[in-house]
Structure formats: structure tokens, C-alpha cells
Amino acid sequence: MSIDRRRSARVEILGRVHGHSVSHDVAVTVRELSLGGMAIETAFSFPVGAVHQFKLTLGDGAHVLLSGQARHCRPLTSPDASGRFVTGFEFVDDAPDRSPRVGDLMDKIR
């Protein structure tokens, strides 16, 4: 049994939010989102501890710009996901109003 140490509940996002790594200028697949962080899928790995900036956009154009620190990165193991990685990011407080903006985006998703 694993212990979930997250401070806020995750929402499965696949297909509802478009993610973009500003740091790498590439699209990312947002798998899950919470007030404290997110899990993304990419074709490359992120070094654990690195901080990156992301833009998350809904279909109606609402978006947030935020920074996250990579907490873990693992390769996907399914046969059809060769060369894909899932990285968990914890949002960092480089913008004082970050939580309400992420919360507003999550309210629109639910």
C-alpha cells in the first residue's frame, strides 16, 4: 500500500488542458493537476530538482503561467509508450497569486 502525501486532490486532465513547456518551447500532455502540482507526459525526461515554466490553456482560451520543480521522472512502461516519460512537478511560489489562478482553472475544468 502506498501513502499519498499530496496536500490537495488531483484531477485527471487528459485532453481538457493544453500544456506548453515555456522552458523547452514544446507541447506537453497534462495528465493530472492539483493546486499543488501536476503530472505531465513528454517525449523527454526532466532532471529531478529542475524548475521549469509552463503555460496551461483551456479550450476557451483561459490560461495560467506557472513554474514547477520536477519531483520525480519515470519512463512509461507500456509497449506503445516507448520513449515517453511522466514527470511530477510541484508548483513553486514565484508568483504570489499562483494558487487562485490554478484554482480558477481547475474550477472551469470540473
C-alpha atoms as a PDB file:
ATOM      1  CA  MET A   1       0.000   0.000   0.000  1.00  0.00           C
ATOM      2  CA  SER A   2       1.415   3.403  -0.969  1.00  0.00           C
ATOM      3  CA  ILE A   3       0.936   6.542   1.068  1.00  0.00           C
ATOM      4  CA  ASP A   4      -0.369   9.591  -0.781  1.00  0.00           C
ATOM      5  CA  ARG A   5       1.394  12.642   0.659  1.00  0.00           C
ATOM      6  CA  ARG A   6      -0.261  15.250  -1.550  1.00  0.00           C
ATOM      7  CA  ARG A   7      -1.780  18.288   0.149  1.00  0.00           C
ATOM      8  CA  SER A   8      -4.523  18.702  -2.464  1.00  0.00           C
ATOM      9  CA  ALA A   9      -6.606  16.314  -4.542  1.00  0.00           C
ATOM     10  CA  ARG A  10      -5.619  15.569  -8.125  1.00  0.00           C
ATOM     11  CA  VAL A  11      -7.978  15.963 -11.068  1.00  0.00           C
ATOM     12  CA  GLU A  12      -7.437  13.796 -14.148  1.00  0.00           C
ATOM     13  CA  ILE A  13      -6.971  16.221 -17.030  1.00  0.00           C
ATOM     14  CA  LEU A  14      -6.148  14.294 -20.211  1.00  0.00           C
ATOM     15  CA  GLY A  15      -7.467  16.268 -23.174  1.00  0.00           C
ATOM     16  CA  ARG A  16      -9.033  19.122 -21.201  1.00  0.00           C
ATOM     17  CA  VAL A  17      -5.953  21.302 -20.699  1.00  0.00           C
ATOM     18  CA  HIS A  18      -3.265  22.006 -23.263  1.00  0.00           C
ATOM     19  CA  GLY A  19       0.187  22.293 -21.751  1.00  0.00           C
ATOM     20  CA  HIS A  20       3.249  24.033 -23.107  1.00  0.00           C
ATOM     21  CA  SER A  21       6.742  23.961 -21.635  1.00  0.00           C
ATOM     22  CA  VAL A  22       7.912  27.551 -21.947  1.00  0.00           C
ATOM     23  CA  SER A  23      11.407  26.445 -20.957  1.00  0.00           C
ATOM     24  CA  HIS A  24      11.654  23.991 -23.894  1.00  0.00           C
ATOM     25  CA  ASP A  25       9.106  25.614 -26.252  1.00  0.00           C
ATOM     26  CA  VAL A  26       7.267  22.307 -26.755  1.00  0.00           C
ATOM     27  CA  ALA A  27       3.780  20.980 -26.099  1.00  0.00           C
ATOM     28  CA  VAL A  28       3.346  18.658 -23.103  1.00  0.00           C
ATOM     29  CA  THR A  29       0.450  16.367 -22.194  1.00  0.00           C
ATOM     30  CA  VAL A  30      -1.046  17.314 -18.828  1.00  0.00           C
ATOM     31  CA  ARG A  31      -2.211  14.076 -17.183  1.00  0.00           C
ATOM     32  CA  GLU A  32      -3.237  15.325 -13.730  1.00  0.00           C
ATOM     33  CA  LEU A  33      -3.497  18.681 -11.991  1.00  0.00           C
ATOM     34  CA  SER A  34      -3.929  19.823  -8.401  1.00  0.00           C
ATOM     35  CA  LEU A  35      -3.491  23.103  -6.543  1.00  0.00           C
ATOM     36  CA  GLY A  36      -0.005  21.957  -5.551  1.00  0.00           C
ATOM     37  CA  GLY A  37       1.325  20.439  -8.753  1.00  0.00           C
ATOM     38  CA  MET A  38       0.794  18.391 -11.896  1.00  0.00           C
ATOM     39  CA  ALA A  39       1.894  15.290 -13.765  1.00  0.00           C
ATOM     40  CA  ILE A  40       2.868  15.671 -17.410  1.00  0.00           C
ATOM     41  CA  GLU A  41       3.834  13.294 -20.193  1.00  0.00           C
ATOM     42  CA  THR A  42       6.613  14.132 -22.644  1.00  0.00           C
ATOM     43  CA  ALA A  43       8.990  12.536 -25.144  1.00  0.00           C
ATOM     44  CA  PHE A  44      11.957  13.578 -22.993  1.00  0.00           C
ATOM     45  CA  SER A  45      12.886  13.411 -19.326  1.00  0.00           C
ATOM     46  CA  PHE A  46      13.199  16.334 -16.918  1.00  0.00           C
ATOM     47  CA  PRO A  47      16.027  16.309 -14.354  1.00  0.00           C
ATOM     48  CA  VAL A  48      14.673  15.970 -10.820  1.00  0.00           C
ATOM     49  CA  GLY A  49      15.039  19.279  -8.965  1.00  0.00           C
ATOM     50  CA  ALA A  50      14.979  21.456 -12.094  1.00  0.00           C
ATOM     51  CA  VAL A  51      12.477  24.339 -12.207  1.00  0.00           C
ATOM     52  CA  HIS A  52      10.555  24.933 -15.432  1.00  0.00           C
ATOM     53  CA  GLN A  53       7.851  27.331 -16.548  1.00  0.00           C
ATOM     54  CA  PHE A  54       4.590  26.100 -18.113  1.00  0.00           C
ATOM     55  CA  LYS A  55       1.566  27.624 -19.770  1.00  0.00           C
ATOM     56  CA  LEU A  56      -1.685  25.696 -19.250  1.00  0.00           C
ATOM     57  CA  THR A  57      -4.600  26.593 -21.548  1.00  0.00           C
ATOM     58  CA  LEU A  58      -8.263  25.518 -21.630  1.00  0.00           C
ATOM     59  CA  GLY A  59     -10.286  25.221 -24.826  1.00  0.00           C
ATOM     60  CA  ASP A  60     -11.926  28.594 -24.139  1.00  0.00           C
ATOM     61  CA  GLY A  61      -8.509  30.296 -24.081  1.00  0.00           C
ATOM     62  CA  ALA A  62      -8.293  30.714 -20.289  1.00  0.00           C
ATOM     63  CA  HIS A  63      -4.710  30.088 -19.241  1.00  0.00           C
ATOM     64  CA  VAL A  64      -2.200  30.281 -16.414  1.00  0.00           C
ATOM     65  CA  LEU A  65       1.551  30.700 -16.484  1.00  0.00           C
ATOM     66  CA  LEU A  66       3.315  28.939 -13.627  1.00  0.00           C
ATOM     67  CA  SER A  67       6.578  27.408 -12.501  1.00  0.00           C
ATOM     68  CA  GLY A  68       7.137  23.921 -11.164  1.00  0.00           C
ATOM     69  CA  GLN A  69      10.020  21.943  -9.742  1.00  0.00           C
ATOM     70  CA  ALA A  70      10.439  18.388 -11.029  1.00  0.00           C
ATOM     71  CA  ARG A  71       9.993  15.988  -8.106  1.00  0.00           C
ATOM     72  CA  HIS A  72      10.172  12.702  -9.999  1.00  0.00           C
ATOM     73  CA  CYS A  73      10.511  11.496 -13.578  1.00  0.00           C
ATOM     74  CA  ARG A  74       9.938   7.955 -14.805  1.00  0.00           C
ATOM     75  CA  PRO A  75       9.731   6.242 -18.184  1.00  0.00           C
ATOM     76  CA  LEU A  76       6.354   4.859 -19.202  1.00  0.00           C
ATOM     77  CA  THR A  77       6.467   1.090 -19.367  1.00  0.00           C
ATOM     78  CA  SER A  78       3.563   0.232 -21.684  1.00  0.00           C
ATOM     79  CA  PRO A  79       4.587  -1.302 -25.038  1.00  0.00           C
ATOM     80  CA  ASP A  80       3.083   1.561 -27.044  1.00  0.00           C
ATOM     81  CA  ALA A  81       4.718   4.307 -24.945  1.00  0.00           C
ATOM     82  CA  SER A  82       8.345   3.733 -25.827  1.00  0.00           C
ATOM     83  CA  GLY A  83      10.418   6.834 -25.274  1.00  0.00           C
ATOM     84  CA  ARG A  84       7.715   8.599 -23.193  1.00  0.00           C
ATOM     85  CA  PHE A  85       8.176   9.949 -19.661  1.00  0.00           C
ATOM     86  CA  VAL A  86       5.869  11.053 -16.845  1.00  0.00           C
ATOM     87  CA  THR A  87       7.174  13.832 -14.630  1.00  0.00           C
ATOM     88  CA  GLY A  88       5.611  15.101 -11.423  1.00  0.00           C
ATOM     89  CA  PHE A  89       6.010  18.811 -10.775  1.00  0.00           C
ATOM     90  CA  GLU A  90       5.383  20.723  -7.564  1.00  0.00           C
ATOM     91  CA  PHE A  91       4.374  24.310  -8.205  1.00  0.00           C
ATOM     92  CA  VAL A  92       6.808  26.840  -6.762  1.00  0.00           C
ATOM     93  CA  ASP A  93       5.776  30.153  -5.295  1.00  0.00           C
ATOM     94  CA  ASP A  94       7.404  32.563  -7.692  1.00  0.00           C
ATOM     95  CA  ALA A  95       4.093  34.383  -8.206  1.00  0.00           C
ATOM     96  CA  PRO A  96       2.125  35.400  -5.094  1.00  0.00           C
ATOM     97  CA  ASP A  97      -1.269  34.879  -6.776  1.00  0.00           C
ATOM     98  CA  ARG A  98      -0.478  31.435  -8.251  1.00  0.00           C
ATOM     99  CA  SER A  99      -2.935  29.363  -6.178  1.00  0.00           C
ATOM    100  CA  PRO A 100      -6.069  31.345  -7.024  1.00  0.00           C
ATOM    101  CA  ARG A 101      -5.209  31.222 -10.741  1.00  0.00           C
ATOM    102  CA  VAL A 102      -4.653  27.451 -10.693  1.00  0.00           C
ATOM    103  CA  GLY A 103      -7.820  27.129  -8.610  1.00  0.00           C
ATOM    104  CA  ASP A 104      -9.793  29.181 -11.119  1.00  0.00           C
ATOM    105  CA  LEU A 105      -8.552  26.970 -13.963  1.00  0.00           C
ATOM    106  CA  MET A 106      -9.474  23.829 -12.033  1.00  0.00           C
ATOM    107  CA  ASP A 107     -12.954  25.210 -11.278  1.00  0.00           C
ATOM    108  CA  LYS A 108     -13.551  25.598 -15.018  1.00  0.00           C
ATOM    109  CA  ILE A 109     -12.431  22.010 -15.643  1.00  0.00           C
ATOM    110  CA  ARG A 110     -14.751  20.396 -13.073  1.00  0.00           C
END
